[in-house]
PDB file of all heavy atoms in Angstrom:
ATOM      1  N   THR A   1       0.833  -1.205   0.000  1.00  0.00           N
ATOM      2  CA  THR A   1       0.000   0.000   0.000  1.00  0.00           C
ATOM      3  C   THR A   1       0.867   1.254   0.000  1.00  0.00           C
ATOM      4  O   THR A   1       0.436   2.290  -0.490  1.00  0.00           O
ATOM      5  CB  THR A   1      -0.978   0.019   1.197  1.00  0.00           C
ATOM      6  OG1 THR A   1      -0.251  -0.210   2.403  1.00  0.00           O
ATOM      7  CG2 THR A   1      -2.061  -1.018   1.036  1.00  0.00           C
ATOM      8  N   GLU A   2       2.099   1.152   0.493  1.00  0.00           N
ATOM      9  CA  GLU A   2       3.016   2.297   0.447  1.00  0.00           C
ATOM     10  C   GLU A   2       3.449   2.597  -0.994  1.00  0.00           C
ATOM     11  O   GLU A   2       3.946   3.683  -1.280  1.00  0.00           O
ATOM     12  CB  GLU A   2       4.256   2.050   1.324  1.00  0.00           C
ATOM     13  CG  GLU A   2       3.975   2.066   2.816  1.00  0.00           C
ATOM     14  CD  GLU A   2       3.299   0.788   3.310  1.00  0.00           C
ATOM     15  OE1 GLU A   2       3.494  -0.296   2.714  1.00  0.00           O
ATOM     16  OE2 GLU A   2       2.538   0.879   4.300  1.00  0.00           O
ATOM     17  N   GLU A   3       3.277   1.646  -1.892  1.00  0.00           N
ATOM     18  CA  GLU A   3       3.654   1.823  -3.296  1.00  0.00           C
ATOM     19  C   GLU A   3       2.463   2.154  -4.194  1.00  0.00           C
ATOM     20  O   GLU A   3       2.559   2.066  -5.408  1.00  0.00           O
ATOM     21  CB  GLU A   3       4.335   0.550  -3.822  1.00  0.00           C
ATOM     22  CG  GLU A   3       5.648   0.247  -3.149  1.00  0.00           C
ATOM     23  CD  GLU A   3       6.208  -1.094  -3.564  1.00  0.00           C
ATOM     24  OE1 GLU A   3       5.535  -2.120  -3.325  1.00  0.00           O
ATOM     25  OE2 GLU A   3       7.317  -1.108  -4.131  1.00  0.00           O
ATOM     26  N   VAL A   4       1.356   2.544  -3.583  1.00  0.00           N
ATOM     27  CA  VAL A   4       0.155   2.805  -4.374  1.00  0.00           C
ATOM     28  C   VAL A   4       0.392   3.918  -5.393  1.00  0.00           C
ATOM     29  O   VAL A   4      -0.140   3.861  -6.508  1.00  0.00           O
ATOM     30  CB  VAL A   4      -1.079   3.077  -3.475  1.00  0.00           C
ATOM     31  CG1 VAL A   4      -1.002   4.450  -2.819  1.00  0.00           C
ATOM     32  CG2 VAL A   4      -2.362   2.931  -4.276  1.00  0.00           C
ATOM     33  N   HIS A   5       1.203   4.897  -5.052  1.00  0.00           N
ATOM     34  CA  HIS A   5       1.484   5.984  -5.998  1.00  0.00           C
ATOM     35  C   HIS A   5       2.195   5.445  -7.244  1.00  0.00           C
ATOM     36  O   HIS A   5       1.869   5.815  -8.368  1.00  0.00           O
ATOM     37  CB  HIS A   5       2.316   7.089  -5.327  1.00  0.00           C
ATOM     38  CG  HIS A   5       2.513   8.287  -6.187  1.00  0.00           C
ATOM     39  ND1 HIS A   5       1.485   9.151  -6.507  1.00  0.00           N
ATOM     40  CD2 HIS A   5       3.609   8.754  -6.826  1.00  0.00           C
ATOM     41  CE1 HIS A   5       1.953  10.108  -7.304  1.00  0.00           C
ATOM     42  NE2 HIS A   5       3.231   9.886  -7.511  1.00  0.00           N
ATOM     43  N   THR A   6       3.147   4.540  -7.041  1.00  0.00           N
ATOM     44  CA  THR A   6       3.844   3.908  -8.169  1.00  0.00           C
ATOM     45  C   THR A   6       2.863   3.124  -9.023  1.00  0.00           C
ATOM     46  O   THR A   6       2.892   3.206 -10.258  1.00  0.00           O
ATOM     47  CB  THR A   6       4.961   2.967  -7.655  1.00  0.00           C
ATOM     48  OG1 THR A   6       5.878   3.738  -6.881  1.00  0.00           O
ATOM     49  CG2 THR A   6       5.680   2.279  -8.799  1.00  0.00           C
ATOM     50  N   LEU A   7       1.973   2.364  -8.377  1.00  0.00           N
ATOM     51  CA  LEU A   7       0.962   1.597  -9.096  1.00  0.00           C
ATOM     52  C   LEU A   7       0.053   2.526  -9.894  1.00  0.00           C
ATOM     53  O   LEU A   7      -0.228   2.269 -11.068  1.00  0.00           O
ATOM     54  CB  LEU A   7       0.146   0.734  -8.127  1.00  0.00           C
ATOM     55  CG  LEU A   7      -0.999  -0.075  -8.745  1.00  0.00           C
ATOM     56  CD1 LEU A   7      -0.490  -1.049  -9.798  1.00  0.00           C
ATOM     57  CD2 LEU A   7      -1.766  -0.806  -7.647  1.00  0.00           C
ATOM     58  N   CYS A   8      -0.407   3.609  -9.272  1.00  0.00           N
ATOM     59  CA  CYS A   8      -1.291   4.570  -9.957  1.00  0.00           C
ATOM     60  C   CYS A   8      -0.627   5.136 -11.212  1.00  0.00           C
ATOM     61  O   CYS A   8      -1.230   5.144 -12.295  1.00  0.00           O
ATOM     62  CB  CYS A   8      -1.665   5.730  -9.037  1.00  0.00           C
ATOM     63  SG  CYS A   8      -2.714   5.305  -7.655  1.00  0.00           S
ATOM     64  N   GLU A   9       0.596   5.590 -11.062  1.00  0.00           N
ATOM     65  CA  GLU A   9       1.309   6.199 -12.199  1.00  0.00           C
ATOM     66  C   GLU A   9       1.585   5.184 -13.295  1.00  0.00           C
ATOM     67  O   GLU A   9       1.363   5.455 -14.473  1.00  0.00           O
ATOM     68  CB  GLU A   9       2.634   6.814 -11.729  1.00  0.00           C
ATOM     69  CG  GLU A   9       2.471   8.143 -11.052  1.00  0.00           C
ATOM     70  CD  GLU A   9       3.815   8.795 -10.740  1.00  0.00           C
ATOM     71  OE1 GLU A   9       4.873   8.305 -11.222  1.00  0.00           O
ATOM     72  OE2 GLU A   9       3.814   9.794 -10.022  1.00  0.00           O
ATOM     73  N   PHE A  10       2.091   4.020 -12.913  1.00  0.00           N
ATOM     74  CA  PHE A  10       2.447   2.996 -13.888  1.00  0.00           C
ATOM     75  C   PHE A  10       1.205   2.492 -14.625  1.00  0.00           C
ATOM     76  O   PHE A  10       1.185   2.408 -15.860  1.00  0.00           O
ATOM     77  CB  PHE A  10       3.169   1.842 -13.183  1.00  0.00           C
ATOM     78  CG  PHE A  10       3.771   0.840 -14.108  1.00  0.00           C
ATOM     79  CD1 PHE A  10       4.868   1.162 -14.890  1.00  0.00           C
ATOM     80  CD2 PHE A  10       3.263  -0.449 -14.184  1.00  0.00           C
ATOM     81  CE1 PHE A  10       5.444   0.227 -15.745  1.00  0.00           C
ATOM     82  CE2 PHE A  10       3.825  -1.390 -15.030  1.00  0.00           C
ATOM     83  CZ  PHE A  10       4.919  -1.054 -15.812  1.00  0.00           C
ATOM     84  N   ALA A  11       0.143   2.185 -13.876  1.00  0.00           N
ATOM     85  CA  ALA A  11      -1.088   1.679 -14.483  1.00  0.00           C
ATOM     86  C   ALA A  11      -1.710   2.717 -15.411  1.00  0.00           C
ATOM     87  O   ALA A  11      -2.156   2.392 -16.518  1.00  0.00           O
ATOM     88  CB  ALA A  11      -2.078   1.271 -13.392  1.00  0.00           C
ATOM     89  N   SER A  12      -1.739   3.968 -14.980  1.00  0.00           N
ATOM     90  CA  SER A  12      -2.304   5.044 -15.808  1.00  0.00           C
ATOM     91  C   SER A  12      -1.522   5.222 -17.101  1.00  0.00           C
ATOM     92  O   SER A  12      -2.100   5.366 -18.184  1.00  0.00           O
ATOM     93  CB  SER A  12      -2.322   6.373 -15.045  1.00  0.00           C
ATOM     94  OG  SER A  12      -3.220   6.316 -13.971  1.00  0.00           O
ATOM     95  N   GLU A  13      -0.203   5.230 -16.985  1.00  0.00           N
ATOM     96  CA  GLU A  13       0.657   5.431 -18.162  1.00  0.00           C
ATOM     97  C   GLU A  13       0.455   4.320 -19.190  1.00  0.00           C
ATOM     98  O   GLU A  13       0.292   4.581 -20.385  1.00  0.00           O
ATOM     99  CB  GLU A  13       2.114   5.484 -17.716  1.00  0.00           C
ATOM    100  CG  GLU A  13       3.096   5.717 -18.830  1.00  0.00           C
ATOM    101  CD  GLU A  13       4.528   5.765 -18.308  1.00  0.00           C
ATOM    102  OE1 GLU A  13       4.786   6.502 -17.340  1.00  0.00           O
ATOM    103  OE2 GLU A  13       5.379   5.045 -18.877  1.00  0.00           O
ATOM    104  N   ILE A  14       0.448   3.079 -18.733  1.00  0.00           N
ATOM    105  CA  ILE A  14       0.293   1.949 -19.651  1.00  0.00           C
ATOM    106  C   ILE A  14      -1.103   1.948 -20.263  1.00  0.00           C
ATOM    107  O   ILE A  14      -1.265   1.712 -21.463  1.00  0.00           O
ATOM    108  CB  ILE A  14       0.581   0.614 -18.942  1.00  0.00           C
ATOM    109  CG1 ILE A  14       2.060   0.505 -18.610  1.00  0.00           C
ATOM    110  CG2 ILE A  14       0.158  -0.566 -19.812  1.00  0.00           C
ATOM    111  CD1 ILE A  14       2.425  -0.736 -17.844  1.00  0.00           C
ATOM    112  N   TYR A  15      -2.111   2.220 -19.458  1.00  0.00           N
ATOM    113  CA  TYR A  15      -3.478   2.232 -19.975  1.00  0.00           C
ATOM    114  C   TYR A  15      -3.625   3.318 -21.042  1.00  0.00           C
ATOM    115  O   TYR A  15      -4.201   3.085 -22.105  1.00  0.00           O
ATOM    116  CB  TYR A  15      -4.477   2.447 -18.828  1.00  0.00           C
ATOM    117  CG  TYR A  15      -5.890   2.124 -19.235  1.00  0.00           C
ATOM    118  CD1 TYR A  15      -6.406   0.849 -19.055  1.00  0.00           C
ATOM    119  CD2 TYR A  15      -6.705   3.086 -19.817  1.00  0.00           C
ATOM    120  CE1 TYR A  15      -7.695   0.539 -19.442  1.00  0.00           C
ATOM    121  CE2 TYR A  15      -7.997   2.780 -20.205  1.00  0.00           C
ATOM    122  CZ  TYR A  15      -8.488   1.508 -20.016  1.00  0.00           C
ATOM    123  OH  TYR A  15      -9.762   1.198 -20.409  1.00  0.00           O
ATOM    124  N   TYR A  16      -3.091   4.481 -20.760  1.00  0.00           N
ATOM    125  CA  TYR A  16      -3.150   5.595 -21.712  1.00  0.00           C
ATOM    126  C   TYR A  16      -2.472   5.206 -23.029  1.00  0.00           C
ATOM    127  O   TYR A  16      -3.051   5.380 -24.109  1.00  0.00           O
ATOM    128  CB  TYR A  16      -2.484   6.835 -21.107  1.00  0.00           C
ATOM    129  CG  TYR A  16      -2.583   8.061 -21.973  1.00  0.00           C
ATOM    130  CD1 TYR A  16      -3.661   8.930 -21.846  1.00  0.00           C
ATOM    131  CD2 TYR A  16      -1.610   8.349 -22.928  1.00  0.00           C
ATOM    132  CE1 TYR A  16      -3.763  10.059 -22.655  1.00  0.00           C
ATOM    133  CE2 TYR A  16      -1.702   9.473 -23.734  1.00  0.00           C
ATOM    134  CZ  TYR A  16      -2.791  10.327 -23.592  1.00  0.00           C
ATOM    135  OH  TYR A  16      -2.886  11.429 -24.405  1.00  0.00           O
ATOM    136  N   GLU A  17      -1.256   4.683 -22.949  1.00  0.00           N
ATOM    137  CA  GLU A  17      -0.532   4.272 -24.161  1.00  0.00           C
ATOM    138  C   GLU A  17      -1.304   3.236 -24.963  1.00  0.00           C
ATOM    139  O   GLU A  17      -1.306   3.260 -26.189  1.00  0.00           O
ATOM    140  CB  GLU A  17       0.827   3.649 -23.795  1.00  0.00           C
ATOM    141  CG  GLU A  17       1.858   4.608 -23.292  1.00  0.00           C
ATOM    142  CD  GLU A  17       3.123   3.895 -22.819  1.00  0.00           C
ATOM    143  OE1 GLU A  17       3.139   2.640 -22.713  1.00  0.00           O
ATOM    144  OE2 GLU A  17       4.110   4.604 -22.542  1.00  0.00           O
ATOM    145  N   THR A  18      -1.964   2.333 -24.266  1.00  0.00           N
ATOM    146  CA  THR A  18      -2.660   1.236 -24.917  1.00  0.00           C
ATOM    147  C   THR A  18      -3.942   1.688 -25.618  1.00  0.00           C
ATOM    148  O   THR A  18      -4.252   1.209 -26.706  1.00  0.00           O
ATOM    149  CB  THR A  18      -2.999   0.134 -23.888  1.00  0.00           C
ATOM    150  OG1 THR A  18      -1.783  -0.289 -23.259  1.00  0.00           O
ATOM    151  CG2 THR A  18      -3.678  -1.059 -24.539  1.00  0.00           C
ATOM    152  N   PHE A  19      -4.676   2.629 -25.013  1.00  0.00           N
ATOM    153  CA  PHE A  19      -6.025   2.912 -25.496  1.00  0.00           C
ATOM    154  C   PHE A  19      -6.283   4.320 -26.008  1.00  0.00           C
ATOM    155  O   PHE A  19      -7.384   4.605 -26.472  1.00  0.00           O
ATOM    156  CB  PHE A  19      -7.043   2.578 -24.394  1.00  0.00           C
ATOM    157  CG  PHE A  19      -7.049   1.126 -24.040  1.00  0.00           C
ATOM    158  CD1 PHE A  19      -6.564   0.700 -22.817  1.00  0.00           C
ATOM    159  CD2 PHE A  19      -7.517   0.167 -24.927  1.00  0.00           C
ATOM    160  CE1 PHE A  19      -6.549  -0.648 -22.484  1.00  0.00           C
ATOM    161  CE2 PHE A  19      -7.501  -1.179 -24.604  1.00  0.00           C
ATOM    162  CZ  PHE A  19      -7.025  -1.588 -23.372  1.00  0.00           C
ATOM    163  N   ILE A  20      -5.303   5.220 -25.979  1.00  0.00           N
ATOM    164  CA  ILE A  20      -5.570   6.594 -26.405  1.00  0.00           C
ATOM    165  C   ILE A  20      -5.962   6.662 -27.880  1.00  0.00           C
ATOM    166  O   ILE A  20      -6.784   7.494 -28.258  1.00  0.00           O
ATOM    167  CB  ILE A  20      -4.397   7.553 -26.092  1.00  0.00           C
ATOM    168  CG1 ILE A  20      -4.803   9.006 -26.351  1.00  0.00           C
ATOM    169  CG2 ILE A  20      -3.161   7.176 -26.876  1.00  0.00           C
ATOM    170  CD1 ILE A  20      -6.016   9.502 -25.592  1.00  0.00           C
ATOM    171  N   ASP A  21      -5.418   5.801 -28.716  1.00  0.00           N
ATOM    172  CA  ASP A  21      -5.723   5.870 -30.141  1.00  0.00           C
ATOM    173  C   ASP A  21      -7.198   5.645 -30.452  1.00  0.00           C
ATOM    174  O   ASP A  21      -7.684   6.132 -31.453  1.00  0.00           O
ATOM    175  CB  ASP A  21      -4.868   4.868 -30.927  1.00  0.00           C
ATOM    176  CG  ASP A  21      -3.415   5.302 -31.022  1.00  0.00           C
ATOM    177  OD1 ASP A  21      -3.121   6.487 -30.764  1.00  0.00           O
ATOM    178  OD2 ASP A  21      -2.571   4.444 -31.344  1.00  0.00           O
ATOM    179  N   GLY A  22      -7.904   4.926 -29.614  1.00  0.00           N
ATOM    180  CA  GLY A  22      -9.314   4.662 -29.886  1.00  0.00           C
ATOM    181  C   GLY A  22     -10.278   5.473 -29.049  1.00  0.00           C
ATOM    182  O   GLY A  22     -11.479   5.214 -29.064  1.00  0.00           O
ATOM    183  N   ASN A  23      -9.764   6.455 -28.308  1.00  0.00           N
ATOM    184  CA  ASN A  23     -10.613   7.198 -27.375  1.00  0.00           C
ATOM    185  C   ASN A  23     -10.222   8.671 -27.337  1.00  0.00           C
ATOM    186  O   ASN A  23      -9.083   9.019 -27.622  1.00  0.00           O
ATOM    187  CB  ASN A  23     -10.478   6.607 -25.969  1.00  0.00           C
ATOM    188  CG  ASN A  23     -10.990   5.194 -25.888  1.00  0.00           C
ATOM    189  OD1 ASN A  23     -12.183   4.964 -25.859  1.00  0.00           O
ATOM    190  ND2 ASN A  23     -10.087   4.223 -25.898  1.00  0.00           N
ATOM    191  N   SER A  24     -11.168   9.513 -26.956  1.00  0.00           N
ATOM    192  CA  SER A  24     -10.874  10.944 -26.855  1.00  0.00           C
ATOM    193  C   SER A  24     -10.044  11.221 -25.602  1.00  0.00           C
ATOM    194  O   SER A  24     -10.092  10.471 -24.625  1.00  0.00           O
ATOM    195  CB  SER A  24     -12.168  11.751 -26.805  1.00  0.00           C
ATOM    196  OG  SER A  24     -12.791  11.607 -25.542  1.00  0.00           O
ATOM    197  N   GLU A  25      -9.300  12.291 -25.644  1.00  0.00           N
ATOM    198  CA  GLU A  25      -8.467  12.704 -24.507  1.00  0.00           C
ATOM    199  C   GLU A  25      -9.333  12.929 -23.261  1.00  0.00           C
ATOM    200  O   GLU A  25      -8.965  12.504 -22.158  1.00  0.00           O
ATOM    201  CB  GLU A  25      -7.703  13.979 -24.866  1.00  0.00           C
ATOM    202  CG  GLU A  25      -6.722  14.428 -23.814  1.00  0.00           C
ATOM    203  CD  GLU A  25      -5.496  13.543 -23.682  1.00  0.00           C
ATOM    204  OE1 GLU A  25      -4.991  13.043 -24.694  1.00  0.00           O
ATOM    205  OE2 GLU A  25      -5.034  13.364 -22.532  1.00  0.00           O
ATOM    206  N   ARG A  26     -10.480  13.562 -23.408  1.00  0.00           N
ATOM    207  CA  ARG A  26     -11.370  13.845 -22.283  1.00  0.00           C
ATOM    208  C   ARG A  26     -11.876  12.562 -21.637  1.00  0.00           C
ATOM    209  O   ARG A  26     -11.812  12.386 -20.411  1.00  0.00           O
ATOM    210  CB  ARG A  26     -12.564  14.702 -22.738  1.00  0.00           C
ATOM    211  CG  ARG A  26     -13.561  14.995 -21.617  1.00  0.00           C
ATOM    212  CD  ARG A  26     -14.861  15.619 -22.122  1.00  0.00           C
ATOM    213  NE  ARG A  26     -15.552  14.816 -23.117  1.00  0.00           N
ATOM    214  CZ  ARG A  26     -16.304  13.750 -22.842  1.00  0.00           C
ATOM    215  NH1 ARG A  26     -16.450  13.332 -21.598  1.00  0.00           N
ATOM    216  NH2 ARG A  26     -16.910  13.084 -23.802  1.00  0.00           N
ATOM    217  N   VAL A  27     -12.361  11.634 -22.458  1.00  0.00           N
ATOM    218  CA  VAL A  27     -12.878  10.366 -21.941  1.00  0.00           C
ATOM    219  C   VAL A  27     -11.755   9.587 -21.259  1.00  0.00           C
ATOM    220  O   VAL A  27     -11.932   9.029 -20.175  1.00  0.00           O
ATOM    221  CB  VAL A  27     -13.533   9.542 -23.071  1.00  0.00           C
ATOM    222  CG1 VAL A  27     -13.778   8.101 -22.651  1.00  0.00           C
ATOM    223  CG2 VAL A  27     -14.840  10.195 -23.491  1.00  0.00           C
TER     224      VAL A  27
END
């Protein structure tokens, strides 16, 4: 749980890279 910030950043970055091409920036 002390690494939740690392998890948040890493998960967000990978998700964004994976799905931004098919979705709007706002969504």
